[in-house]
Amino acid sequence: MSLTVTIIAKLSGVEPRTVQRARDTAAAFDGDVNAAVPEEFTYGAGARCYALATIAEFRPALFWGGLMALLAVPALMLVKVLHG
């Protein structure tokens, strides 16, 4: 299981095999915006999972940059508070 699958599973609250299925589906659509999304990925945790899988598949720099920002912003705020 890859790190990307693990992270998406934790963030979206689904099982890793669902994330892998979402990544495979997103890769099969090959960026076709008019392709019909499967029903299980249209609402709730499945939609979050599919959205993150699509971003990770087609815009990996945005995906990893966003994750780094999730960690960096609170750390920078803490440093600002501690050092005046």
N, C-alpha and C. Protein backbone atom coordinates (compact mmCIF):
# COMPACT_ATOMS: atom_id res chain seq x y z
N MET A 1 0.84 -1.16 0.00
CA MET A 1 0.00 0.00 0.00
C MET A 1 0.90 1.24 0.00
N SER A 2 0.58 2.18 -0.87
CA SER A 2 1.42 3.36 -0.99
C SER A 2 1.06 4.40 0.07
N LEU A 3 1.95 5.34 0.25
CA LEU A 3 1.74 6.42 1.21
C LEU A 3 0.55 7.27 0.80
N THR A 4 0.39 7.51 -0.49
CA THR A 4 -0.73 8.30 -0.99
C THR A 4 -2.06 7.64 -0.63
N VAL A 5 -2.16 6.36 -0.82
CA VAL A 5 -3.39 5.63 -0.49
C VAL A 5 -3.68 5.72 1.00
N THR A 6 -2.66 5.57 1.82
CA THR A 6 -2.84 5.65 3.27
C THR A 6 -3.31 7.03 3.70
N ILE A 7 -2.71 8.07 3.14
CA ILE A 7 -3.08 9.44 3.50
C ILE A 7 -4.51 9.75 3.08
N ILE A 8 -4.86 9.38 1.85
CA ILE A 8 -6.22 9.64 1.38
C ILE A 8 -7.24 8.87 2.22
N ALA A 9 -6.91 7.63 2.58
CA ALA A 9 -7.83 6.84 3.40
C ALA A 9 -8.05 7.49 4.76
N LYS A 10 -7.00 8.00 5.37
CA LYS A 10 -7.12 8.66 6.68
C LYS A 10 -7.90 9.96 6.57
N LEU A 11 -7.63 10.76 5.53
CA LEU A 11 -8.30 12.05 5.39
C LEU A 11 -9.78 11.92 5.02
N SER A 12 -10.11 10.92 4.23
CA SER A 12 -11.49 10.80 3.77
C SER A 12 -12.32 9.84 4.61
N GLY A 13 -11.69 9.03 5.42
CA GLY A 13 -12.42 8.12 6.30
C GLY A 13 -12.98 6.89 5.61
N VAL A 14 -12.25 6.39 4.63
CA VAL A 14 -12.65 5.16 3.94
C VAL A 14 -11.54 4.13 4.05
N GLU A 15 -11.82 2.93 3.59
CA GLU A 15 -10.82 1.86 3.62
C GLU A 15 -9.81 2.04 2.48
N PRO A 16 -8.60 1.56 2.66
CA PRO A 16 -7.58 1.69 1.62
C PRO A 16 -7.97 1.05 0.29
N ARG A 17 -8.72 -0.04 0.30
CA ARG A 17 -9.11 -0.65 -0.99
C ARG A 17 -10.09 0.23 -1.74
N THR A 18 -10.90 1.03 -1.02
CA THR A 18 -11.79 1.99 -1.68
C THR A 18 -10.98 3.09 -2.32
N VAL A 19 -9.93 3.52 -1.64
CA VAL A 19 -9.04 4.55 -2.20
C VAL A 19 -8.35 4.03 -3.45
N GLN A 20 -7.88 2.81 -3.40
CA GLN A 20 -7.22 2.24 -4.57
C GLN A 20 -8.19 2.13 -5.75
N ARG A 21 -9.44 1.77 -5.47
CA ARG A 21 -10.45 1.70 -6.52
C ARG A 21 -10.72 3.10 -7.10
N ALA A 22 -10.74 4.12 -6.23
CA ALA A 22 -10.96 5.49 -6.69
C ALA A 22 -9.78 5.96 -7.55
N ARG A 23 -8.56 5.61 -7.13
CA ARG A 23 -7.39 5.99 -7.94
C ARG A 23 -7.40 5.29 -9.30
N ASP A 24 -7.76 4.01 -9.30
CA ASP A 24 -7.83 3.28 -10.56
C ASP A 24 -8.91 3.86 -11.47
N THR A 25 -10.04 4.23 -10.90
CA THR A 25 -11.13 4.81 -11.68
C THR A 25 -10.72 6.16 -12.25
N ALA A 26 -10.09 7.00 -11.43
CA ALA A 26 -9.64 8.31 -11.90
C ALA A 26 -8.60 8.16 -13.01
N ALA A 27 -7.70 7.21 -12.86
CA ALA A 27 -6.68 6.98 -13.89
C ALA A 27 -7.30 6.46 -15.18
N ALA A 28 -8.35 5.64 -15.05
CA ALA A 28 -9.01 5.08 -16.24
C ALA A 28 -9.73 6.18 -17.03
N PHE A 29 -10.26 7.18 -16.31
CA PHE A 29 -10.96 8.27 -17.00
C PHE A 29 -9.97 9.19 -17.71
N ASP A 30 -8.72 9.17 -17.29
CA ASP A 30 -7.64 9.91 -17.95
C ASP A 30 -7.96 11.38 -18.12
N GLY A 31 -8.54 11.98 -17.09
CA GLY A 31 -8.80 13.42 -17.11
C GLY A 31 -10.03 13.84 -17.88
N ASP A 32 -10.84 12.89 -18.33
CA ASP A 32 -12.06 13.22 -19.06
C ASP A 32 -13.09 13.79 -18.08
N VAL A 33 -13.36 15.10 -18.19
CA VAL A 33 -14.27 15.75 -17.24
C VAL A 33 -15.72 15.37 -17.48
N ASN A 34 -16.04 14.82 -18.64
CA ASN A 34 -17.42 14.44 -18.95
C ASN A 34 -17.74 12.99 -18.60
N ALA A 35 -16.77 12.28 -18.08
CA ALA A 35 -16.99 10.87 -17.72
C ALA A 35 -17.89 10.79 -16.49
N ALA A 36 -18.76 9.80 -16.48
CA ALA A 36 -19.69 9.62 -15.36
C ALA A 36 -18.96 9.00 -14.17
N VAL A 37 -19.06 9.65 -13.04
CA VAL A 37 -18.43 9.15 -11.81
C VAL A 37 -19.30 8.03 -11.24
N PRO A 38 -18.73 6.92 -10.82
CA PRO A 38 -19.53 5.85 -10.22
C PRO A 38 -20.33 6.34 -9.01
N GLU A 39 -21.47 5.73 -8.79
CA GLU A 39 -22.41 6.15 -7.75
C GLU A 39 -21.76 6.20 -6.36
N GLU A 40 -20.88 5.25 -6.05
CA GLU A 40 -20.29 5.21 -4.71
C GLU A 40 -19.37 6.39 -4.44
N PHE A 41 -18.97 7.13 -5.47
CA PHE A 41 -18.08 8.27 -5.31
C PHE A 41 -18.78 9.60 -5.54
N THR A 42 -20.09 9.65 -5.37
CA THR A 42 -20.83 10.89 -5.64
C THR A 42 -21.26 11.63 -4.38
N TYR A 43 -21.12 11.05 -3.21
CA TYR A 43 -21.53 11.74 -1.99
C TYR A 43 -20.73 11.23 -0.80
N GLY A 44 -20.67 12.04 0.25
CA GLY A 44 -20.04 11.64 1.51
C GLY A 44 -18.55 11.36 1.41
N ALA A 45 -18.14 10.35 2.16
CA ALA A 45 -16.73 9.99 2.23
C ALA A 45 -16.19 9.50 0.89
N GLY A 46 -17.03 8.85 0.11
CA GLY A 46 -16.61 8.40 -1.22
C GLY A 46 -16.27 9.56 -2.14
N ALA A 47 -17.04 10.64 -2.04
CA ALA A 47 -16.77 11.83 -2.85
C ALA A 47 -15.45 12.48 -2.44
N ARG A 48 -15.21 12.57 -1.13
CA ARG A 48 -13.93 13.11 -0.66
C ARG A 48 -12.77 12.25 -1.14
N CYS A 49 -12.95 10.96 -1.05
CA CYS A 49 -11.93 10.02 -1.48
C CYS A 49 -11.63 10.18 -2.97
N TYR A 50 -12.67 10.23 -3.79
CA TYR A 50 -12.49 10.35 -5.23
C TYR A 50 -11.84 11.69 -5.61
N ALA A 51 -12.25 12.75 -4.92
CA ALA A 51 -11.67 14.07 -5.20
C ALA A 51 -10.17 14.08 -4.88
N LEU A 52 -9.81 13.56 -3.71
CA LEU A 52 -8.39 13.52 -3.35
C LEU A 52 -7.60 12.60 -4.28
N ALA A 53 -8.20 11.48 -4.67
CA ALA A 53 -7.53 10.56 -5.59
C ALA A 53 -7.31 11.20 -6.95
N THR A 54 -8.29 11.96 -7.42
CA THR A 54 -8.16 12.64 -8.70
C THR A 54 -7.06 13.69 -8.64
N ILE A 55 -7.03 14.47 -7.57
CA ILE A 55 -5.98 15.48 -7.42
C ILE A 55 -4.61 14.81 -7.32
N ALA A 56 -4.52 13.74 -6.55
CA ALA A 56 -3.24 13.04 -6.42
C ALA A 56 -2.78 12.44 -7.74
N GLU A 57 -3.72 12.00 -8.55
CA GLU A 57 -3.39 11.37 -9.83
C GLU A 57 -2.94 12.38 -10.88
N PHE A 58 -3.66 13.50 -11.00
CA PHE A 58 -3.41 14.42 -12.09
C PHE A 58 -2.64 15.68 -11.69
N ARG A 59 -2.61 16.02 -10.40
CA ARG A 59 -1.88 17.20 -9.93
C ARG A 59 -1.14 16.85 -8.64
N PRO A 60 -0.14 15.99 -8.73
CA PRO A 60 0.54 15.53 -7.52
C PRO A 60 1.24 16.65 -6.74
N ALA A 61 1.75 17.67 -7.43
CA ALA A 61 2.40 18.77 -6.72
C ALA A 61 1.39 19.52 -5.84
N LEU A 62 0.19 19.71 -6.35
CA LEU A 62 -0.86 20.36 -5.57
C LEU A 62 -1.26 19.51 -4.36
N PHE A 63 -1.37 18.20 -4.57
CA PHE A 63 -1.73 17.29 -3.49
C PHE A 63 -0.69 17.34 -2.37
N TRP A 64 0.58 17.14 -2.72
CA TRP A 64 1.63 17.10 -1.70
C TRP A 64 1.89 18.49 -1.12
N GLY A 65 1.77 19.54 -1.93
CA GLY A 65 1.93 20.90 -1.41
C GLY A 65 0.84 21.24 -0.40
N GLY A 66 -0.38 20.81 -0.67
CA GLY A 66 -1.48 21.04 0.26
C GLY A 66 -1.28 20.31 1.57
N LEU A 67 -0.78 19.09 1.49
CA LEU A 67 -0.50 18.34 2.72
C LEU A 67 0.61 19.00 3.53
N MET A 68 1.62 19.50 2.86
CA MET A 68 2.69 20.19 3.57
C MET A 68 2.17 21.48 4.20
N ALA A 69 1.25 22.16 3.52
CA ALA A 69 0.67 23.39 4.08
C ALA A 69 -0.16 23.08 5.32
N LEU A 70 -0.84 21.93 5.33
CA LEU A 70 -1.60 21.55 6.52
C LEU A 70 -0.71 21.41 7.74
N LEU A 71 0.52 21.02 7.52
CA LEU A 71 1.47 20.89 8.62
C LEU A 71 2.22 22.19 8.89
N ALA A 72 2.53 22.93 7.85
CA ALA A 72 3.37 24.12 8.00
C ALA A 72 2.63 25.30 8.62
N VAL A 73 1.39 25.52 8.26
CA VAL A 73 0.67 26.69 8.75
C VAL A 73 0.51 26.68 10.27
N PRO A 74 0.05 25.60 10.89
CA PRO A 74 -0.02 25.62 12.36
C PRO A 74 1.36 25.75 13.02
N ALA A 75 2.37 25.15 12.42
CA ALA A 75 3.71 25.26 12.98
C ALA A 75 4.20 26.71 12.90
N LEU A 76 3.94 27.39 11.79
CA LEU A 76 4.34 28.79 11.66
C LEU A 76 3.57 29.68 12.62
N MET A 77 2.30 29.38 12.85
CA MET A 77 1.52 30.15 13.80
C MET A 77 2.06 29.96 15.22
N LEU A 78 2.44 28.75 15.55
CA LEU A 78 3.01 28.48 16.87
C LEU A 78 4.33 29.22 17.05
N VAL A 79 5.16 29.23 16.04
CA VAL A 79 6.42 29.95 16.11
C VAL A 79 6.17 31.44 16.29
N LYS A 80 5.20 31.97 15.58
CA LYS A 80 4.85 33.40 15.70
C LYS A 80 4.40 33.74 17.11
N VAL A 81 3.58 32.89 17.71
CA VAL A 81 3.08 33.13 19.06
C VAL A 81 4.24 33.04 20.08
N LEU A 82 5.10 32.06 19.93
CA LEU A 82 6.17 31.86 20.89
C LEU A 82 7.28 32.91 20.80
N HIS A 83 7.52 33.42 19.59
CA HIS A 83 8.62 34.37 19.40
C HIS A 83 8.14 35.79 19.21
N GLY A 84 6.90 36.06 19.51
CA GLY A 84 6.35 37.41 19.50
C GLY A 84 6.14 37.93 18.17
